[in-house]
N, C-alpha and C. Protein backbone atom coordinates (compact mmCIF):
# COMPACT_ATOMS: atom_id res chain seq x y z
N MET A 1 0.84 -1.18 0.00
CA MET A 1 0.00 0.00 0.00
C MET A 1 0.88 1.24 0.00
N ARG A 2 0.50 2.19 -0.80
CA ARG A 2 1.23 3.45 -0.87
C ARG A 2 0.28 4.59 -0.53
N VAL A 3 0.81 5.56 0.19
CA VAL A 3 0.04 6.77 0.48
C VAL A 3 0.35 7.75 -0.64
N SER A 4 -0.67 8.31 -1.25
CA SER A 4 -0.49 9.20 -2.39
C SER A 4 0.16 10.52 -1.99
N ALA A 5 0.73 11.20 -2.96
CA ALA A 5 1.29 12.53 -2.74
C ALA A 5 0.20 13.48 -2.25
N LYS A 6 -1.01 13.30 -2.77
CA LYS A 6 -2.14 14.13 -2.36
C LYS A 6 -2.35 14.04 -0.84
N SER A 7 -2.30 12.84 -0.31
CA SER A 7 -2.49 12.66 1.14
C SER A 7 -1.30 13.17 1.93
N GLN A 8 -0.11 12.95 1.41
CA GLN A 8 1.08 13.46 2.09
C GLN A 8 1.04 14.98 2.16
N TYR A 9 0.73 15.63 1.04
CA TYR A 9 0.65 17.09 1.00
C TYR A 9 -0.50 17.62 1.85
N GLY A 10 -1.62 16.93 1.79
CA GLY A 10 -2.78 17.34 2.58
C GLY A 10 -2.49 17.27 4.07
N LEU A 11 -1.84 16.22 4.49
CA LEU A 11 -1.49 16.08 5.90
C LEU A 11 -0.48 17.16 6.31
N ARG A 12 0.49 17.42 5.45
CA ARG A 12 1.47 18.48 5.74
C ARG A 12 0.79 19.84 5.87
N ALA A 13 -0.17 20.11 4.99
CA ALA A 13 -0.90 21.38 5.05
C ALA A 13 -1.72 21.46 6.34
N MET A 14 -2.34 20.37 6.73
CA MET A 14 -3.14 20.36 7.96
C MET A 14 -2.25 20.54 9.19
N VAL A 15 -1.09 19.93 9.18
CA VAL A 15 -0.14 20.12 10.29
C VAL A 15 0.30 21.58 10.34
N TYR A 16 0.57 22.15 9.19
CA TYR A 16 0.96 23.56 9.14
C TYR A 16 -0.15 24.44 9.72
N LEU A 17 -1.39 24.20 9.32
CA LEU A 17 -2.51 24.97 9.85
C LEU A 17 -2.64 24.77 11.37
N ALA A 18 -2.37 23.57 11.83
CA ALA A 18 -2.44 23.29 13.28
C ALA A 18 -1.39 24.10 14.04
N THR A 19 -0.24 24.32 13.42
CA THR A 19 0.81 25.11 14.10
C THR A 19 0.50 26.60 14.08
N CYS A 20 -0.38 27.01 13.18
CA CYS A 20 -0.75 28.43 13.09
C CYS A 20 -1.72 28.83 14.20
N ARG A 21 -2.31 27.84 14.85
CA ARG A 21 -3.31 28.06 15.91
C ARG A 21 -4.46 28.91 15.40
N ASP A 22 -4.66 30.09 15.98
CA ASP A 22 -5.83 30.91 15.64
C ASP A 22 -5.60 31.84 14.45
N GLU A 23 -4.46 31.73 13.83
CA GLU A 23 -4.11 32.59 12.70
C GLU A 23 -4.71 32.06 11.40
N VAL A 24 -5.14 32.96 10.54
CA VAL A 24 -5.60 32.59 9.20
C VAL A 24 -4.36 32.55 8.31
N CYS A 25 -4.15 31.44 7.64
CA CYS A 25 -2.94 31.26 6.84
C CYS A 25 -3.26 31.32 5.34
N PRO A 26 -2.62 32.23 4.64
CA PRO A 26 -2.80 32.28 3.19
C PRO A 26 -2.25 31.01 2.54
N LEU A 27 -2.92 30.55 1.53
CA LEU A 27 -2.51 29.34 0.84
C LEU A 27 -1.11 29.49 0.23
N LYS A 28 -0.78 30.69 -0.24
CA LYS A 28 0.55 30.90 -0.83
C LYS A 28 1.65 30.67 0.20
N ARG A 29 1.39 31.05 1.44
CA ARG A 29 2.39 30.85 2.49
C ARG A 29 2.58 29.36 2.76
N ILE A 30 1.47 28.63 2.86
CA ILE A 30 1.56 27.19 3.09
C ILE A 30 2.30 26.52 1.94
N SER A 31 1.94 26.91 0.72
CA SER A 31 2.57 26.36 -0.47
C SER A 31 4.08 26.57 -0.45
N LYS A 32 4.49 27.78 -0.13
CA LYS A 32 5.91 28.12 -0.11
C LYS A 32 6.64 27.40 1.01
N LYS A 33 6.10 27.45 2.21
CA LYS A 33 6.76 26.83 3.37
C LYS A 33 6.85 25.32 3.25
N GLU A 34 5.83 24.71 2.66
CA GLU A 34 5.80 23.24 2.55
C GLU A 34 6.34 22.72 1.23
N GLY A 35 6.65 23.63 0.30
CA GLY A 35 7.19 23.20 -0.99
C GLY A 35 6.20 22.41 -1.83
N ILE A 36 4.95 22.85 -1.79
CA ILE A 36 3.88 22.18 -2.53
C ILE A 36 3.35 23.14 -3.60
N SER A 37 3.14 22.64 -4.80
CA SER A 37 2.58 23.44 -5.87
C SER A 37 1.30 24.13 -5.41
N PHE A 38 1.21 25.43 -5.64
CA PHE A 38 0.04 26.20 -5.21
C PHE A 38 -1.25 25.63 -5.82
N ASP A 39 -1.23 25.36 -7.13
CA ASP A 39 -2.43 24.86 -7.80
C ASP A 39 -2.88 23.51 -7.24
N TYR A 40 -1.93 22.63 -6.98
CA TYR A 40 -2.25 21.31 -6.44
C TYR A 40 -2.77 21.44 -5.01
N LEU A 41 -2.12 22.29 -4.23
CA LEU A 41 -2.54 22.50 -2.85
C LEU A 41 -3.95 23.09 -2.79
N GLU A 42 -4.27 23.95 -3.73
CA GLU A 42 -5.60 24.56 -3.79
C GLU A 42 -6.69 23.48 -3.95
N LYS A 43 -6.42 22.48 -4.78
CA LYS A 43 -7.36 21.38 -4.99
C LYS A 43 -7.50 20.53 -3.73
N ILE A 44 -6.38 20.29 -3.07
CA ILE A 44 -6.39 19.49 -1.85
C ILE A 44 -7.16 20.20 -0.74
N ILE A 45 -6.86 21.47 -0.55
CA ILE A 45 -7.53 22.26 0.50
C ILE A 45 -9.03 22.36 0.22
N SER A 46 -9.39 22.44 -1.04
CA SER A 46 -10.80 22.49 -1.42
C SER A 46 -11.53 21.23 -0.94
N ARG A 47 -10.91 20.08 -1.11
CA ARG A 47 -11.51 18.81 -0.64
C ARG A 47 -11.63 18.80 0.88
N LEU A 48 -10.59 19.30 1.54
CA LEU A 48 -10.61 19.33 3.01
C LEU A 48 -11.67 20.30 3.52
N GLU A 49 -11.87 21.39 2.78
CA GLU A 49 -12.89 22.37 3.15
C GLU A 49 -14.29 21.78 2.96
N LYS A 50 -14.52 21.11 1.83
CA LYS A 50 -15.82 20.49 1.57
C LYS A 50 -16.15 19.44 2.63
N ALA A 51 -15.12 18.80 3.17
CA ALA A 51 -15.32 17.77 4.20
C ALA A 51 -15.49 18.38 5.60
N GLY A 52 -15.33 19.70 5.69
CA GLY A 52 -15.53 20.36 6.98
C GLY A 52 -14.33 20.32 7.91
N LEU A 53 -13.15 20.04 7.36
CA LEU A 53 -11.94 20.00 8.20
C LEU A 53 -11.24 21.35 8.26
N VAL A 54 -11.39 22.16 7.22
CA VAL A 54 -10.83 23.51 7.23
C VAL A 54 -11.92 24.50 6.81
N LYS A 55 -11.69 25.74 7.18
CA LYS A 55 -12.59 26.82 6.77
C LYS A 55 -11.74 27.89 6.11
N SER A 56 -12.40 28.76 5.35
CA SER A 56 -11.67 29.83 4.68
C SER A 56 -12.24 31.18 5.07
N LYS A 57 -11.38 32.16 4.96
CA LYS A 57 -11.78 33.55 5.17
C LYS A 57 -11.38 34.29 3.90
N LYS A 58 -12.32 34.98 3.31
CA LYS A 58 -12.08 35.70 2.06
C LYS A 58 -11.48 37.07 2.36
N GLY A 59 -10.88 37.67 1.35
CA GLY A 59 -10.41 39.04 1.46
C GLY A 59 -8.90 39.16 1.51
N VAL A 60 -8.46 40.39 1.72
CA VAL A 60 -7.03 40.72 1.72
C VAL A 60 -6.28 39.93 2.79
N ARG A 61 -6.87 39.78 3.94
CA ARG A 61 -6.24 39.02 5.02
C ARG A 61 -6.84 37.63 5.12
N GLY A 62 -7.23 37.12 3.99
CA GLY A 62 -7.89 35.82 3.94
C GLY A 62 -6.92 34.67 3.94
N GLY A 63 -7.49 33.51 4.02
CA GLY A 63 -6.69 32.29 4.02
C GLY A 63 -7.50 31.15 4.61
N TYR A 64 -6.81 30.19 5.18
CA TYR A 64 -7.46 29.00 5.71
C TYR A 64 -7.09 28.80 7.17
N PHE A 65 -7.99 28.11 7.86
CA PHE A 65 -7.74 27.75 9.25
C PHE A 65 -8.51 26.46 9.54
N LEU A 66 -8.12 25.77 10.60
CA LEU A 66 -8.78 24.52 10.96
C LEU A 66 -10.21 24.79 11.41
N ALA A 67 -11.11 23.91 11.02
CA ALA A 67 -12.51 24.05 11.39
C ALA A 67 -12.75 23.64 12.85
N ARG A 68 -11.84 22.83 13.39
CA ARG A 68 -11.93 22.38 14.78
C ARG A 68 -10.54 22.45 15.40
N PRO A 69 -10.45 22.39 16.71
CA PRO A 69 -9.12 22.37 17.34
C PRO A 69 -8.32 21.15 16.89
N PRO A 70 -7.00 21.26 16.85
CA PRO A 70 -6.15 20.14 16.38
C PRO A 70 -6.36 18.84 17.16
N GLU A 71 -6.73 18.95 18.43
CA GLU A 71 -6.96 17.72 19.21
C GLU A 71 -8.27 17.02 18.86
N LYS A 72 -9.09 17.67 18.04
CA LYS A 72 -10.37 17.10 17.62
C LYS A 72 -10.35 16.58 16.18
N ILE A 73 -9.20 16.67 15.53
CA ILE A 73 -9.09 16.21 14.13
C ILE A 73 -8.15 15.01 14.09
N ARG A 74 -8.70 13.87 13.74
CA ARG A 74 -7.93 12.64 13.68
C ARG A 74 -7.31 12.46 12.29
N ILE A 75 -6.15 11.85 12.28
CA ILE A 75 -5.45 11.62 11.01
C ILE A 75 -6.30 10.74 10.10
N SER A 76 -7.06 9.83 10.68
CA SER A 76 -7.93 8.96 9.88
C SER A 76 -8.94 9.77 9.08
N GLU A 77 -9.45 10.87 9.63
CA GLU A 77 -10.41 11.72 8.91
C GLU A 77 -9.77 12.35 7.68
N ILE A 78 -8.58 12.86 7.88
CA ILE A 78 -7.85 13.52 6.79
C ILE A 78 -7.57 12.52 5.67
N MET A 79 -7.06 11.35 6.05
CA MET A 79 -6.72 10.33 5.07
C MET A 79 -7.96 9.85 4.32
N LYS A 80 -9.08 9.71 5.01
CA LYS A 80 -10.29 9.24 4.35
C LYS A 80 -10.77 10.24 3.31
N VAL A 81 -10.68 11.53 3.64
CA VAL A 81 -11.09 12.57 2.69
C VAL A 81 -10.21 12.53 1.44
N LEU A 82 -8.92 12.36 1.63
CA LEU A 82 -7.99 12.44 0.51
C LEU A 82 -7.74 11.12 -0.21
N GLU A 83 -7.85 10.00 0.50
CA GLU A 83 -7.57 8.68 -0.10
C GLU A 83 -8.83 7.87 -0.35
N GLY A 84 -9.91 8.19 0.37
CA GLY A 84 -11.05 7.29 0.38
C GLY A 84 -10.77 6.22 1.42
N GLU A 85 -11.48 5.12 1.35
CA GLU A 85 -11.22 4.02 2.28
C GLU A 85 -9.85 3.44 1.99
N MET A 86 -9.02 3.37 2.99
CA MET A 86 -7.69 2.79 2.83
C MET A 86 -7.78 1.29 3.12
N VAL A 87 -7.71 0.51 2.07
CA VAL A 87 -7.86 -0.94 2.21
C VAL A 87 -6.65 -1.62 1.59
N LEU A 88 -6.06 -2.52 2.36
CA LEU A 88 -4.88 -3.24 1.89
C LEU A 88 -5.20 -4.19 0.74
N VAL A 89 -6.22 -5.01 0.93
CA VAL A 89 -6.63 -5.97 -0.09
C VAL A 89 -8.15 -6.01 -0.17
N LYS A 90 -8.67 -6.24 -1.36
CA LYS A 90 -10.12 -6.19 -1.59
C LYS A 90 -10.91 -7.20 -0.76
N CYS A 91 -10.32 -8.35 -0.50
CA CYS A 91 -11.08 -9.43 0.12
C CYS A 91 -11.51 -9.13 1.56
N ILE A 92 -10.95 -8.12 2.19
CA ILE A 92 -11.35 -7.82 3.57
C ILE A 92 -12.27 -6.61 3.68
N THR A 93 -12.69 -6.09 2.54
CA THR A 93 -13.54 -4.90 2.56
C THR A 93 -14.98 -5.20 2.96
N GLY A 94 -15.41 -6.41 2.73
CA GLY A 94 -16.80 -6.75 3.00
C GLY A 94 -17.74 -6.29 1.89
N MET A 95 -17.16 -5.82 0.79
CA MET A 95 -17.98 -5.38 -0.34
C MET A 95 -18.61 -6.59 -1.01
N LYS A 96 -19.90 -6.53 -1.20
CA LYS A 96 -20.62 -7.65 -1.81
C LYS A 96 -20.24 -7.84 -3.28
N LYS A 97 -19.85 -6.74 -3.94
CA LYS A 97 -19.54 -6.86 -5.37
C LYS A 97 -18.18 -7.52 -5.61
N TYR A 98 -17.36 -7.65 -4.56
CA TYR A 98 -16.09 -8.35 -4.73
C TYR A 98 -16.12 -9.64 -3.93
N ILE A 99 -16.02 -10.73 -4.63
CA ILE A 99 -16.00 -12.03 -3.97
C ILE A 99 -14.71 -12.73 -4.40
N CYS A 100 -13.91 -13.06 -3.41
CA CYS A 100 -12.66 -13.75 -3.70
C CYS A 100 -12.91 -15.26 -3.76
N PRO A 101 -12.50 -15.90 -4.82
CA PRO A 101 -12.73 -17.35 -4.94
C PRO A 101 -11.94 -18.15 -3.90
N LEU A 102 -10.91 -17.54 -3.32
CA LEU A 102 -10.08 -18.25 -2.34
C LEU A 102 -10.42 -17.88 -0.89
N GLU A 103 -11.46 -17.08 -0.72
CA GLU A 103 -11.79 -16.53 0.60
C GLU A 103 -11.82 -17.59 1.72
N LYS A 104 -12.46 -18.71 1.48
CA LYS A 104 -12.62 -19.72 2.53
C LYS A 104 -11.34 -20.49 2.85
N LYS A 105 -10.43 -20.59 1.89
CA LYS A 105 -9.21 -21.36 2.13
C LYS A 105 -7.93 -20.52 2.14
N CYS A 106 -8.07 -19.21 2.09
CA CYS A 106 -6.89 -18.34 2.07
C CYS A 106 -6.25 -18.27 3.45
N LEU A 107 -5.01 -18.64 3.53
CA LEU A 107 -4.29 -18.63 4.80
C LEU A 107 -3.77 -17.24 5.18
N ALA A 108 -3.75 -16.34 4.23
CA ALA A 108 -3.23 -14.99 4.50
C ALA A 108 -4.33 -13.99 4.89
N ARG A 109 -5.59 -14.36 4.70
CA ARG A 109 -6.69 -13.41 4.93
C ARG A 109 -6.70 -12.85 6.35
N ASN A 110 -6.50 -13.68 7.34
CA ASN A 110 -6.48 -13.19 8.72
C ASN A 110 -5.30 -12.25 8.97
N LEU A 111 -4.20 -12.50 8.30
CA LEU A 111 -3.06 -11.58 8.40
C LEU A 111 -3.44 -10.21 7.85
N TRP A 112 -4.08 -10.17 6.68
CA TRP A 112 -4.50 -8.90 6.09
C TRP A 112 -5.46 -8.17 7.01
N LYS A 113 -6.39 -8.92 7.62
CA LYS A 113 -7.35 -8.31 8.55
C LYS A 113 -6.64 -7.69 9.75
N LYS A 114 -5.66 -8.40 10.26
CA LYS A 114 -4.92 -7.91 11.43
C LYS A 114 -4.13 -6.65 11.09
N ILE A 115 -3.48 -6.65 9.95
CA ILE A 115 -2.72 -5.47 9.52
C ILE A 115 -3.67 -4.30 9.27
N GLN A 116 -4.80 -4.56 8.62
CA GLN A 116 -5.78 -3.50 8.35
C GLN A 116 -6.32 -2.92 9.65
N SER A 117 -6.62 -3.77 10.60
CA SER A 117 -7.13 -3.32 11.89
C SER A 117 -6.10 -2.46 12.61
N SER A 118 -4.86 -2.87 12.56
CA SER A 118 -3.77 -2.11 13.19
C SER A 118 -3.60 -0.73 12.54
N LEU A 119 -3.66 -0.71 11.22
CA LEU A 119 -3.57 0.55 10.48
C LEU A 119 -4.71 1.49 10.87
N ASN A 120 -5.94 0.97 10.85
CA ASN A 120 -7.11 1.79 11.19
C ASN A 120 -7.02 2.31 12.61
N THR A 121 -6.64 1.46 13.55
CA THR A 121 -6.52 1.85 14.95
C THR A 121 -5.47 2.94 15.12
N THR A 122 -4.35 2.79 14.45
CA THR A 122 -3.28 3.79 14.55
C THR A 122 -3.73 5.13 13.98
N LEU A 123 -4.32 5.13 12.80
CA LEU A 123 -4.77 6.39 12.18
C LEU A 123 -5.86 7.08 13.00
N LYS A 124 -6.71 6.29 13.65
CA LYS A 124 -7.77 6.87 14.48
C LYS A 124 -7.24 7.38 15.82
N SER A 125 -6.11 6.84 16.25
CA SER A 125 -5.59 7.20 17.58
C SER A 125 -4.74 8.47 17.59
N ILE A 126 -4.33 8.94 16.43
CA ILE A 126 -3.43 10.10 16.36
C ILE A 126 -4.20 11.31 15.84
N THR A 127 -4.03 12.42 16.54
CA THR A 127 -4.67 13.68 16.14
C THR A 127 -3.61 14.64 15.61
N LEU A 128 -4.08 15.73 15.02
CA LEU A 128 -3.14 16.77 14.58
C LEU A 128 -2.36 17.31 15.77
N ALA A 129 -3.02 17.43 16.92
CA ALA A 129 -2.33 17.91 18.12
C ALA A 129 -1.18 16.97 18.50
N ASP A 130 -1.40 15.67 18.35
CA ASP A 130 -0.34 14.71 18.63
C ASP A 130 0.85 14.93 17.70
N LEU A 131 0.57 15.18 16.44
CA LEU A 131 1.66 15.39 15.48
C LEU A 131 2.47 16.63 15.81
N ILE A 132 1.80 17.73 16.12
CA ILE A 132 2.56 18.96 16.37
C ILE A 132 3.26 18.93 17.73
N SER A 133 2.78 18.09 18.64
CA SER A 133 3.46 17.98 19.94
C SER A 133 4.47 16.83 19.92
N ARG A 134 4.45 16.06 18.82
CA ARG A 134 5.32 14.91 18.62
C ARG A 134 5.05 13.81 19.65
N LYS A 135 3.83 13.80 20.18
CA LYS A 135 3.43 12.79 21.16
C LYS A 135 3.56 11.38 20.61
N TYR A 136 3.23 11.20 19.35
CA TYR A 136 3.27 9.87 18.74
C TYR A 136 4.68 9.30 18.71
N ASP A 137 5.72 10.17 18.72
CA ASP A 137 7.11 9.72 18.72
C ASP A 137 7.44 8.93 19.99
N LYS A 138 6.75 9.25 21.07
CA LYS A 138 7.07 8.65 22.37
C LYS A 138 6.47 7.27 22.55
N GLU A 139 5.56 6.89 21.67
CA GLU A 139 4.94 5.56 21.76
C GLU A 139 5.89 4.50 21.23
N LYS A 140 6.10 3.49 22.02
CA LYS A 140 6.97 2.40 21.56
C LYS A 140 6.53 1.09 22.12
């Protein structure tokens, strides 16, 4: 599984906004500081705004800010908006339209479920506040 550039950039932008606290941040500043194409970042921020994770302020002193405090925004929310459902393999999605012919005798299926569960739990357990405080670094 690979995390797309869109998700990497989106997460970086959200972390940047989290460090700004109550300040409205112009998109050009985020683009420059994070080294992300302005046009691409604009599309990413638009998706995050539609999902209710960021808000915008129009005008000369306009820009973007988090819609909720950093401790209330989970990394799983950001990733879901930008990636959709993050699934390692189709057979564990529970989608009725995908039926694996090896489902009943696959010896690796439980491994995929365990890895998927661990990934989901980790993404749900970390907030933007954890990232900016580096709290997640201390977990071992």
